[in-house]
């Protein structure tokens, strides 16, 4: 089996087999906040893959799990109490539309936050602010905010205006999240919303950072950079092939991949050690 297929099938099967570990709705769970983050990331990646037409048994099982699992959770109330939770509400709304559910968009609580301008006061890293602006537009709430969208993009690009050799891991993740939002998770050409000089810079950064992550064997951010290569339509067959070869060689017999070179101290359980890299390689292979 060629590496890309092996990586994709193994990762999706592991995620489907461990889907109960994503469930964040038990109030007495001491790991609830960690599960809620993982659940949100799973929801976002599933929505992304569904919008691009991906299908399969494992992906279908995970989609059914997310569709069924959050029915009793009061997302609207959470988003009203905490403006920052509006991001999770937007991600969930996009997933539900991609999954063929009939929820009207935009969600009422999200629309109220936009009308009251509470989201404009959130303290966010520049790339996170751009992600939020992208999500608002995707939820039909971008009317009259194009100037804000362009400013958020300029701010996010400005943070990356330095040599990639000086990038922290946070900078690399800022780069990948910026590309994901710019390309609407692979469903929009970046040229539709960004100027040519900015795109040339992003393409160069993705290629260079991808090589650096490959040399450092940083599997987690490498998975995201491989997806960025596809989204930005880069001609990087060697990089992609070498990345999937490394992922296949690093994949455990159960199909999962390690997120960290060493488990972070204090993390409880193998699931939290592995779910993110496994999720991102499933996404990269799909």
C-alpha atoms as a PDB file:
ATOM      1  CA  UNK A   1       0.000   0.000   0.000  1.00  0.00           C
ATOM      2  CA  UNK A   2       1.453   3.390  -0.933  1.00  0.00           C
ATOM      3  CA  UNK A   3       2.251   5.695   2.009  1.00  0.00           C
ATOM      4  CA  UNK A   4      -0.514   8.271   1.496  1.00  0.00           C
ATOM      5  CA  UNK A   5      -3.238   5.612   1.397  1.00  0.00           C
ATOM      6  CA  UNK A   6      -1.776   3.772   4.369  1.00  0.00           C
ATOM      7  CA  UNK A   7      -1.538   6.954   6.430  1.00  0.00           C
ATOM      8  CA  UNK A   8      -5.055   8.081   5.554  1.00  0.00           C
ATOM      9  CA  UNK A   9      -6.770   4.759   6.186  1.00  0.00           C
ATOM     10  CA  UNK A  10      -4.886   4.124   9.422  1.00  0.00           C
ATOM     11  CA  UNK A  11      -5.572   7.582  10.815  1.00  0.00           C
ATOM     12  CA  UNK A  12      -9.285   7.614   9.963  1.00  0.00           C
ATOM     13  CA  UNK A  13      -9.762   4.148  11.413  1.00  0.00           C
ATOM     14  CA  UNK A  14      -8.000   5.110  14.667  1.00  0.00           C
ATOM     15  CA  UNK A  15     -10.076   8.267  14.979  1.00  0.00           C
ATOM     16  CA  UNK A  16     -13.309   6.342  14.396  1.00  0.00           C
ATOM     17  CA  UNK A  17     -12.293   3.647  16.895  1.00  0.00           C
ATOM     18  CA  UNK A  18     -11.517   6.302  19.518  1.00  0.00           C
ATOM     19  CA  UNK A  19     -14.418   8.648  18.823  1.00  0.00           C
ATOM     20  CA  UNK A  20     -15.893   8.232  22.319  1.00  0.00           C
ATOM     21  CA  UNK A  21     -12.760   9.900  23.736  1.00  0.00           C
ATOM     22  CA  UNK A  22     -13.742  13.137  21.974  1.00  0.00           C
ATOM     23  CA  UNK A  23     -17.094  13.360  23.816  1.00  0.00           C
ATOM     24  CA  UNK A  24     -16.954  16.515  26.024  1.00  0.00           C
ATOM     25  CA  UNK A  25     -20.448  16.855  27.454  1.00  0.00           C
ATOM     26  CA  UNK A  26     -20.143  15.191  30.885  1.00  0.00           C
ATOM     27  CA  UNK A  27     -20.096  17.931  33.496  1.00  0.00           C
ATOM     28  CA  UNK A  28     -18.133  15.802  35.993  1.00  0.00           C
ATOM     29  CA  UNK A  29     -15.316  14.911  33.579  1.00  0.00           C
ATOM     30  CA  UNK A  30     -12.026  16.415  34.867  1.00  0.00           C
ATOM     31  CA  UNK A  31     -10.717  16.399  31.281  1.00  0.00           C
ATOM     32  CA  UNK A  32     -13.802  18.085  29.878  1.00  0.00           C
ATOM     33  CA  UNK A  33     -12.039  21.251  28.691  1.00  0.00           C
ATOM     34  CA  UNK A  34      -9.418  19.185  26.846  1.00  0.00           C
ATOM     35  CA  UNK A  35     -12.122  17.040  25.263  1.00  0.00           C
ATOM     36  CA  UNK A  36     -14.081  20.119  24.220  1.00  0.00           C
ATOM     37  CA  UNK A  37     -11.006  21.435  22.380  1.00  0.00           C
ATOM     38  CA  UNK A  38     -10.454  18.045  20.712  1.00  0.00           C
ATOM     39  CA  UNK A  39     -14.149  17.806  19.804  1.00  0.00           C
ATOM     40  CA  UNK A  40     -14.038  21.258  18.206  1.00  0.00           C
ATOM     41  CA  UNK A  41     -10.975  20.332  16.163  1.00  0.00           C
ATOM     42  CA  UNK A  42     -12.611  17.086  15.038  1.00  0.00           C
ATOM     43  CA  UNK A  43     -15.764  18.984  14.053  1.00  0.00           C
ATOM     44  CA  UNK A  44     -13.792  21.522  12.031  1.00  0.00           C
ATOM     45  CA  UNK A  45     -11.754  18.913  10.133  1.00  0.00           C
ATOM     46  CA  UNK A  46     -14.827  16.791   9.408  1.00  0.00           C
ATOM     47  CA  UNK A  47     -16.687  19.815   8.050  1.00  0.00           C
ATOM     48  CA  UNK A  48     -13.670  20.669   5.907  1.00  0.00           C
ATOM     49  CA  UNK A  49     -13.454  17.159   4.439  1.00  0.00           C
ATOM     50  CA  UNK A  50     -17.213  16.939   3.838  1.00  0.00           C
ATOM     51  CA  UNK A  51     -17.221  20.272   1.976  1.00  0.00           C
ATOM     52  CA  UNK A  52     -14.505  18.903  -0.304  1.00  0.00           C
ATOM     53  CA  UNK A  53     -16.635  15.827  -1.060  1.00  0.00           C
ATOM     54  CA  UNK A  54     -14.731  13.280   1.075  1.00  0.00           C
ATOM     55  CA  UNK A  55     -16.594  10.133   2.070  1.00  0.00           C
ATOM     56  CA  UNK A  56     -15.769   6.766   3.647  1.00  0.00           C
ATOM     57  CA  UNK A  57     -16.867   4.402   6.387  1.00  0.00           C
ATOM     58  CA  UNK A  58     -14.675   5.868   9.134  1.00  0.00           C
ATOM     59  CA  UNK A  59     -15.465   9.438   8.149  1.00  0.00           C
ATOM     60  CA  UNK A  60     -19.156   8.545   8.084  1.00  0.00           C
ATOM     61  CA  UNK A  61     -18.982   7.022  11.572  1.00  0.00           C
ATOM     62  CA  UNK A  62     -17.287  10.140  12.932  1.00  0.00           C
ATOM     63  CA  UNK A  63     -19.806  12.408  11.211  1.00  0.00           C
ATOM     64  CA  UNK A  64     -22.691  10.460  12.745  1.00  0.00           C
ATOM     65  CA  UNK A  65     -20.984  10.655  16.146  1.00  0.00           C
ATOM     66  CA  UNK A  66     -20.660  14.454  15.998  1.00  0.00           C
ATOM     67  CA  UNK A  67     -24.178  14.892  14.617  1.00  0.00           C
ATOM     68  CA  UNK A  68     -25.709  12.818  17.408  1.00  0.00           C
ATOM     69  CA  UNK A  69     -23.472  13.790  20.294  1.00  0.00           C
ATOM     70  CA  UNK A  70     -24.070  17.516  20.575  1.00  0.00           C
ATOM     71  CA  UNK A  71     -27.863  17.571  20.261  1.00  0.00           C
ATOM     72  CA  UNK A  72     -28.395  18.175  23.976  1.00  0.00           C
ATOM     73  CA  UNK A  73     -25.641  20.761  24.450  1.00  0.00           C
ATOM     74  CA  UNK A  74     -26.715  24.397  24.713  1.00  0.00           C
ATOM     75  CA  UNK A  75     -24.265  25.935  22.243  1.00  0.00           C
ATOM     76  CA  UNK A  76     -26.276  29.144  21.927  1.00  0.00           C
ATOM     77  CA  UNK A  77     -26.207  29.847  25.675  1.00  0.00           C
ATOM     78  CA  UNK A  78     -22.464  29.171  25.846  1.00  0.00           C
ATOM     79  CA  UNK A  79     -21.838  31.599  22.978  1.00  0.00           C
ATOM     80  CA  UNK A  80     -24.017  34.278  24.606  1.00  0.00           C
ATOM     81  CA  UNK A  81     -22.146  33.972  27.915  1.00  0.00           C
ATOM     82  CA  UNK A  82     -18.705  33.939  26.304  1.00  0.00           C
ATOM     83  CA  UNK A  83     -18.063  35.863  23.061  1.00  0.00           C
ATOM     84  CA  UNK A  84     -14.941  33.743  22.414  1.00  0.00           C
ATOM     85  CA  UNK A  85     -17.179  30.657  22.251  1.00  0.00           C
ATOM     86  CA  UNK A  86     -18.745  32.143  19.118  1.00  0.00           C
ATOM     87  CA  UNK A  87     -15.825  30.648  17.168  1.00  0.00           C
ATOM     88  CA  UNK A  88     -16.867  27.133  18.213  1.00  0.00           C
ATOM     89  CA  UNK A  89     -20.462  27.989  17.333  1.00  0.00           C
ATOM     90  CA  UNK A  90     -19.417  29.057  13.823  1.00  0.00           C
ATOM     91  CA  UNK A  91     -17.314  25.902  13.306  1.00  0.00           C
ATOM     92  CA  UNK A  92     -20.225  23.736  14.444  1.00  0.00           C
ATOM     93  CA  UNK A  93     -22.660  25.584  12.155  1.00  0.00           C
ATOM     94  CA  UNK A  94     -20.414  25.018   9.142  1.00  0.00           C
ATOM     95  CA  UNK A  95     -20.087  21.331  10.001  1.00  0.00           C
ATOM     96  CA  UNK A  96     -23.855  20.880  10.267  1.00  0.00           C
ATOM     97  CA  UNK A  97     -24.438  22.465   6.867  1.00  0.00           C
ATOM     98  CA  UNK A  98     -21.693  20.309   5.307  1.00  0.00           C
ATOM     99  CA  UNK A  99     -23.263  17.225   6.926  1.00  0.00           C
ATOM    100  CA  UNK A 100     -26.592  17.981   5.262  1.00  0.00           C
ATOM    101  CA  UNK A 101     -28.472  19.202   8.338  1.00  0.00           C
ATOM    102  CA  UNK A 102     -31.078  21.888   7.903  1.00  0.00           C
ATOM    103  CA  UNK A 103     -29.939  24.446  10.500  1.00  0.00           C
ATOM    104  CA  UNK A 104     -30.397  27.984   9.266  1.00  0.00           C
ATOM    105  CA  UNK A 105     -27.288  30.131   9.072  1.00  0.00           C
ATOM    106  CA  UNK A 106     -26.139  32.245  10.696  1.00  0.00           C
ATOM    107  CA  UNK A 107     -26.758  30.942  14.231  1.00  0.00           C
ATOM    108  CA  UNK A 108     -28.768  33.543  16.193  1.00  0.00           C
ATOM    109  CA  UNK A 109     -26.195  34.009  18.969  1.00  0.00           C
ATOM    110  CA  UNK A 110     -23.440  34.572  16.405  1.00  0.00           C
ATOM    111  CA  UNK A 111     -25.546  37.127  14.541  1.00  0.00           C
ATOM    112  CA  UNK A 112     -26.250  38.940  17.806  1.00  0.00           C
ATOM    113  CA  UNK A 113     -22.546  39.150  18.637  1.00  0.00           C
ATOM    114  CA  UNK A 114     -21.830  40.663  15.216  1.00  0.00           C
ATOM    115  CA  UNK A 115     -24.688  43.157  15.575  1.00  0.00           C
ATOM    116  CA  UNK A 116     -23.455  44.211  19.020  1.00  0.00           C
ATOM    117  CA  UNK A 117     -19.783  44.230  17.880  1.00  0.00           C
ATOM    118  CA  UNK A 118     -18.711  42.220  20.920  1.00  0.00           C
ATOM    119  CA  UNK A 119     -16.419  40.047  18.795  1.00  0.00           C
ATOM    120  CA  UNK A 120     -14.431  43.098  17.716  1.00  0.00           C
ATOM    121  CA  UNK A 121     -13.257  43.506  21.317  1.00  0.00           C
ATOM    122  CA  UNK A 122     -11.782  39.997  21.633  1.00  0.00           C
ATOM    123  CA  UNK A 123      -8.043  39.863  22.304  1.00  0.00           C
ATOM    124  CA  UNK A 124      -6.797  37.486  19.613  1.00  0.00           C
ATOM    125  CA  UNK A 125      -3.520  36.769  17.879  1.00  0.00           C
ATOM    126  CA  UNK A 126      -3.581  38.303  14.367  1.00  0.00           C
ATOM    127  CA  UNK A 127      -4.017  34.967  12.607  1.00  0.00           C
ATOM    128  CA  UNK A 128      -6.853  34.041  14.988  1.00  0.00           C
ATOM    129  CA  UNK A 129      -8.547  37.379  14.274  1.00  0.00           C
ATOM    130  CA  UNK A 130      -8.287  36.625  10.547  1.00  0.00           C
ATOM    131  CA  UNK A 131      -9.716  33.129  11.095  1.00  0.00           C
ATOM    132  CA  UNK A 132     -12.660  34.632  12.933  1.00  0.00           C
ATOM    133  CA  UNK A 133     -13.287  37.151  10.142  1.00  0.00           C
ATOM    134  CA  UNK A 134     -13.206  34.293   7.636  1.00  0.00           C
ATOM    135  CA  UNK A 135     -15.683  32.250   9.694  1.00  0.00           C
ATOM    136  CA  UNK A 136     -18.074  35.182   9.977  1.00  0.00           C
ATOM    137  CA  UNK A 137     -18.018  35.625   6.210  1.00  0.00           C
ATOM    138  CA  UNK A 138     -18.533  31.873   5.698  1.00  0.00           C
ATOM    139  CA  UNK A 139     -21.563  32.026   8.008  1.00  0.00           C
ATOM    140  CA  UNK A 140     -23.095  34.829   5.963  1.00  0.00           C
ATOM    141  CA  UNK A 141     -22.078  37.588   8.369  1.00  0.00           C
ATOM    142  CA  UNK A 142     -19.377  39.246   6.265  1.00  0.00           C
ATOM    143  CA  UNK A 143     -21.569  41.952   4.744  1.00  0.00           C
ATOM    144  CA  UNK A 144     -19.924  45.336   5.196  1.00  0.00           C
ATOM    145  CA  UNK A 145     -16.813  43.772   6.802  1.00  0.00           C
ATOM    146  CA  UNK A 146     -14.578  43.408   3.735  1.00  0.00           C
ATOM    147  CA  UNK A 147     -12.313  46.248   4.900  1.00  0.00           C
ATOM    148  CA  UNK A 148     -11.937  44.501   8.254  1.00  0.00           C
ATOM    149  CA  UNK A 149     -11.167  41.188   6.471  1.00  0.00           C
ATOM    150  CA  UNK A 150      -8.391  42.836   4.442  1.00  0.00           C
ATOM    151  CA  UNK A 151      -6.926  44.536   7.522  1.00  0.00           C
ATOM    152  CA  UNK A 152      -6.928  41.282   9.497  1.00  0.00           C
ATOM    153  CA  UNK A 153      -5.085  39.599   6.610  1.00  0.00           C
ATOM    154  CA  UNK A 154      -2.446  42.345   6.513  1.00  0.00           C
ATOM    155  CA  UNK A 155      -1.943  42.101  10.275  1.00  0.00           C
ATOM    156  CA  UNK A 156      -1.527  38.317  10.106  1.00  0.00           C
ATOM    157  CA  UNK A 157       0.968  38.562   7.248  1.00  0.00           C
ATOM    158  CA  UNK A 158       2.975  41.231   9.055  1.00  0.00           C
ATOM    159  CA  UNK A 159       3.738  38.832  11.933  1.00  0.00           C
ATOM    160  CA  UNK A 160       5.341  36.469   9.414  1.00  0.00           C
ATOM    161  CA  UNK A 161       7.519  39.145   7.800  1.00  0.00           C
ATOM    162  CA  UNK A 162      10.775  37.690   9.100  1.00  0.00           C
ATOM    163  CA  UNK A 163      13.161  34.908   8.051  1.00  0.00           C
ATOM    164  CA  UNK A 164      11.582  31.467   8.502  1.00  0.00           C
ATOM    165  CA  UNK A 165      14.753  30.337  10.295  1.00  0.00           C
ATOM    166  CA  UNK A 166      13.631  32.579  13.167  1.00  0.00           C
ATOM    167  CA  UNK A 167      10.073  31.195  13.223  1.00  0.00           C
ATOM    168  CA  UNK A 168       8.864  29.657  16.441  1.00  0.00           C
ATOM    169  CA  UNK A 169       6.520  26.682  16.305  1.00  0.00           C
ATOM    170  CA  UNK A 170       3.737  29.164  17.047  1.00  0.00           C
ATOM    171  CA  UNK A 171       4.705  31.092  13.893  1.00  0.00           C
ATOM    172  CA  UNK A 172       4.477  27.918  11.820  1.00  0.00           C
ATOM    173  CA  UNK A 173       1.014  27.156  13.126  1.00  0.00           C
ATOM    174  CA  UNK A 174       0.031  30.795  12.489  1.00  0.00           C
ATOM    175  CA  UNK A 175       1.144  30.272   8.878  1.00  0.00           C
ATOM    176  CA  UNK A 176      -0.883  27.094   8.399  1.00  0.00           C
ATOM    177  CA  UNK A 177      -4.027  28.506  10.012  1.00  0.00           C
ATOM    178  CA  UNK A 178      -3.720  31.605   7.855  1.00  0.00           C
ATOM    179  CA  UNK A 179      -3.529  29.487   4.690  1.00  0.00           C
ATOM    180  CA  UNK A 180      -6.454  27.293   5.766  1.00  0.00           C
ATOM    181  CA  UNK A 181      -8.653  30.363   6.277  1.00  0.00           C
ATOM    182  CA  UNK A 182      -7.430  32.097   3.148  1.00  0.00           C
ATOM    183  CA  UNK A 183      -8.258  29.042   1.003  1.00  0.00           C
ATOM    184  CA  UNK A 184     -11.487  28.235   2.893  1.00  0.00           C
ATOM    185  CA  UNK A 185     -10.059  24.820   3.767  1.00  0.00           C
ATOM    186  CA  UNK A 186      -9.273  23.974   0.157  1.00  0.00           C
ATOM    187  CA  UNK A 187     -12.592  25.050  -1.376  1.00  0.00           C
ATOM    188  CA  UNK A 188     -11.427  28.488  -2.605  1.00  0.00           C
ATOM    189  CA  UNK A 189      -8.406  29.590  -4.613  1.00  0.00           C
ATOM    190  CA  UNK A 190      -6.258  31.976  -2.587  1.00  0.00           C
ATOM    191  CA  UNK A 191      -6.090  34.364  -5.570  1.00  0.00           C
ATOM    192  CA  UNK A 192      -9.758  35.190  -4.986  1.00  0.00           C
ATOM    193  CA  UNK A 193      -9.004  37.054  -1.750  1.00  0.00           C
ATOM    194  CA  UNK A 194      -5.278  37.855  -1.585  1.00  0.00           C
ATOM    195  CA  UNK A 195      -2.893  39.950  -3.673  1.00  0.00           C
ATOM    196  CA  UNK A 196      -0.150  38.311  -5.733  1.00  0.00           C
ATOM    197  CA  UNK A 197       2.827  39.526  -3.625  1.00  0.00           C
ATOM    198  CA  UNK A 198       1.246  38.193  -0.435  1.00  0.00           C
ATOM    199  CA  UNK A 199       0.552  34.842  -2.091  1.00  0.00           C
ATOM    200  CA  UNK A 200       4.107  34.565  -3.415  1.00  0.00           C
ATOM    201  CA  UNK A 201       5.396  35.124   0.123  1.00  0.00           C
ATOM    202  CA  UNK A 202       2.991  32.554   1.613  1.00  0.00           C
ATOM    203  CA  UNK A 203       3.908  29.934  -0.992  1.00  0.00           C
ATOM    204  CA  UNK A 204       7.601  30.413  -0.322  1.00  0.00           C
ATOM    205  CA  UNK A 205       7.090  30.228   3.441  1.00  0.00           C
ATOM    206  CA  UNK A 206       5.037  27.040   3.194  1.00  0.00           C
ATOM    207  CA  UNK A 207       7.700  25.345   1.071  1.00  0.00           C
ATOM    208  CA  UNK A 208      10.578  26.406   3.336  1.00  0.00           C
ATOM    209  CA  UNK A 209       8.768  25.622   6.588  1.00  0.00           C
ATOM    210  CA  UNK A 210       7.688  22.275   5.167  1.00  0.00           C
ATOM    211  CA  UNK A 211      11.317  21.335   4.513  1.00  0.00           C
ATOM    212  CA  UNK A 212      12.308  22.476   7.988  1.00  0.00           C
ATOM    213  CA  UNK A 213       9.523  20.454   9.634  1.00  0.00           C
ATOM    214  CA  UNK A 214      10.546  17.426   7.573  1.00  0.00           C
ATOM    215  CA  UNK A 215      14.182  17.700   8.642  1.00  0.00           C
ATOM    216  CA  UNK A 216      13.131  18.175  12.273  1.00  0.00           C
ATOM    217  CA  UNK A 217      10.629  15.302  11.994  1.00  0.00           C
ATOM    218  CA  UNK A 218       7.936  17.559  13.460  1.00  0.00           C
ATOM    219  CA  UNK A 219       5.020  15.391  12.392  1.00  0.00           C
ATOM    220  CA  UNK A 220       2.199  17.572  13.673  1.00  0.00           C
ATOM    221  CA  UNK A 221       2.950  20.855  11.920  1.00  0.00           C
ATOM    222  CA  UNK A 222       4.264  18.935   8.887  1.00  0.00           C
ATOM    223  CA  UNK A 223       0.788  17.464   8.357  1.00  0.00           C
ATOM    224  CA  UNK A 224      -0.718  20.953   8.303  1.00  0.00           C
ATOM    225  CA  UNK A 225       1.972  22.216   5.929  1.00  0.00           C
ATOM    226  CA  UNK A 226       1.311  19.313   3.531  1.00  0.00           C
ATOM    227  CA  UNK A 227      -2.326  20.431   3.375  1.00  0.00           C
ATOM    228  CA  UNK A 228      -1.169  24.006   2.743  1.00  0.00           C
ATOM    229  CA  UNK A 229       0.915  22.776  -0.202  1.00  0.00           C
ATOM    230  CA  UNK A 230      -2.268  21.391  -1.754  1.00  0.00           C
ATOM    231  CA  UNK A 231      -4.428  24.405  -0.928  1.00  0.00           C
ATOM    232  CA  UNK A 232      -1.915  26.857  -2.422  1.00  0.00           C
ATOM    233  CA  UNK A 233      -1.395  24.576  -5.462  1.00  0.00           C
ATOM    234  CA  UNK A 234       2.354  24.350  -4.941  1.00  0.00           C
ATOM    235  CA  UNK A 235       4.418  22.139  -7.221  1.00  0.00           C
ATOM    236  CA  UNK A 236       6.212  20.285  -4.417  1.00  0.00           C
ATOM    237  CA  UNK A 237       5.942  16.556  -5.209  1.00  0.00           C
ATOM    238  CA  UNK A 238       9.224  15.673  -3.474  1.00  0.00           C
ATOM    239  CA  UNK A 239       8.224  17.404  -0.245  1.00  0.00           C
ATOM    240  CA  UNK A 240       4.775  15.789  -0.183  1.00  0.00           C
ATOM    241  CA  UNK A 241       6.148  12.339  -1.011  1.00  0.00           C
ATOM    242  CA  UNK A 242       8.873  12.574   1.635  1.00  0.00           C
ATOM    243  CA  UNK A 243       6.374  13.844   4.220  1.00  0.00           C
ATOM    244  CA  UNK A 244       3.987  10.934   3.687  1.00  0.00           C
ATOM    245  CA  UNK A 245       6.908   8.485   3.739  1.00  0.00           C
ATOM    246  CA  UNK A 246       7.960   9.867   7.134  1.00  0.00           C
ATOM    247  CA  UNK A 247       4.371   9.722   8.414  1.00  0.00           C
ATOM    248  CA  UNK A 248       3.965   6.121   7.261  1.00  0.00           C
ATOM    249  CA  UNK A 249       7.246   5.134   8.919  1.00  0.00           C
ATOM    250  CA  UNK A 250       6.175   6.860  12.157  1.00  0.00           C
ATOM    251  CA  UNK A 251       2.641   5.440  12.212  1.00  0.00           C
ATOM    252  CA  UNK A 252       1.850   3.026  15.008  1.00  0.00           C
ATOM    253  CA  UNK A 253       0.324  -0.369  14.279  1.00  0.00           C
ATOM    254  CA  UNK A 254      -3.055   0.963  15.444  1.00  0.00           C
ATOM    255  CA  UNK A 255      -2.959   3.725  12.807  1.00  0.00           C
ATOM    256  CA  UNK A 256      -2.189   6.681  15.089  1.00  0.00           C
ATOM    257  CA  UNK A 257       0.721   9.118  14.969  1.00  0.00           C
ATOM    258  CA  UNK A 258       2.434  10.952  17.837  1.00  0.00           C
ATOM    259  CA  UNK A 259       1.682  14.652  18.145  1.00  0.00           C
ATOM    260  CA  UNK A 260       4.774  15.308  20.247  1.00  0.00           C
ATOM    261  CA  UNK A 261       8.296  13.913  20.116  1.00  0.00           C
ATOM    262  CA  UNK A 262       7.768  13.191  23.797  1.00  0.00           C
ATOM    263  CA  UNK A 263       4.447  13.201  25.668  1.00  0.00           C
ATOM    264  CA  UNK A 264       3.801  16.526  27.451  1.00  0.00           C
ATOM    265  CA  UNK A 265       4.064  16.223  31.230  1.00  0.00           C
ATOM    266  CA  UNK A 266       0.796  15.827  33.066  1.00  0.00           C
ATOM    267  CA  UNK A 267      -1.226  14.688  30.068  1.00  0.00           C
ATOM    268  CA  UNK A 268      -3.531  11.840  31.013  1.00  0.00           C
ATOM    269  CA  UNK A 269      -3.750   9.063  28.499  1.00  0.00           C
ATOM    270  CA  UNK A 270      -2.467   8.130  25.117  1.00  0.00           C
ATOM    271  CA  UNK A 271      -5.433   9.739  23.350  1.00  0.00           C
ATOM    272  CA  UNK A 272      -4.354  13.307  24.129  1.00  0.00           C
ATOM    273  CA  UNK A 273      -0.815  12.424  23.145  1.00  0.00           C
ATOM    274  CA  UNK A 274      -1.877  11.359  19.661  1.00  0.00           C
ATOM    275  CA  UNK A 275      -5.240  12.651  18.490  1.00  0.00           C
ATOM    276  CA  UNK A 276      -4.114  15.960  16.930  1.00  0.00           C
ATOM    277  CA  UNK A 277      -1.351  14.651  14.652  1.00  0.00           C
ATOM    278  CA  UNK A 278      -3.549  11.689  13.710  1.00  0.00           C
ATOM    279  CA  UNK A 279      -6.417  14.030  12.856  1.00  0.00           C
ATOM    280  CA  UNK A 280      -4.209  16.318  10.776  1.00  0.00           C
ATOM    281  CA  UNK A 281      -2.627  13.442   8.825  1.00  0.00           C
ATOM    282  CA  UNK A 282      -6.101  12.020   8.138  1.00  0.00           C
ATOM    283  CA  UNK A 283      -6.994  15.431   6.779  1.00  0.00           C
ATOM    284  CA  UNK A 284      -3.775  15.763   4.747  1.00  0.00           C
ATOM    285  CA  UNK A 285      -4.329  12.355   3.123  1.00  0.00           C
ATOM    286  CA  UNK A 286      -7.965  13.081   2.180  1.00  0.00           C
END
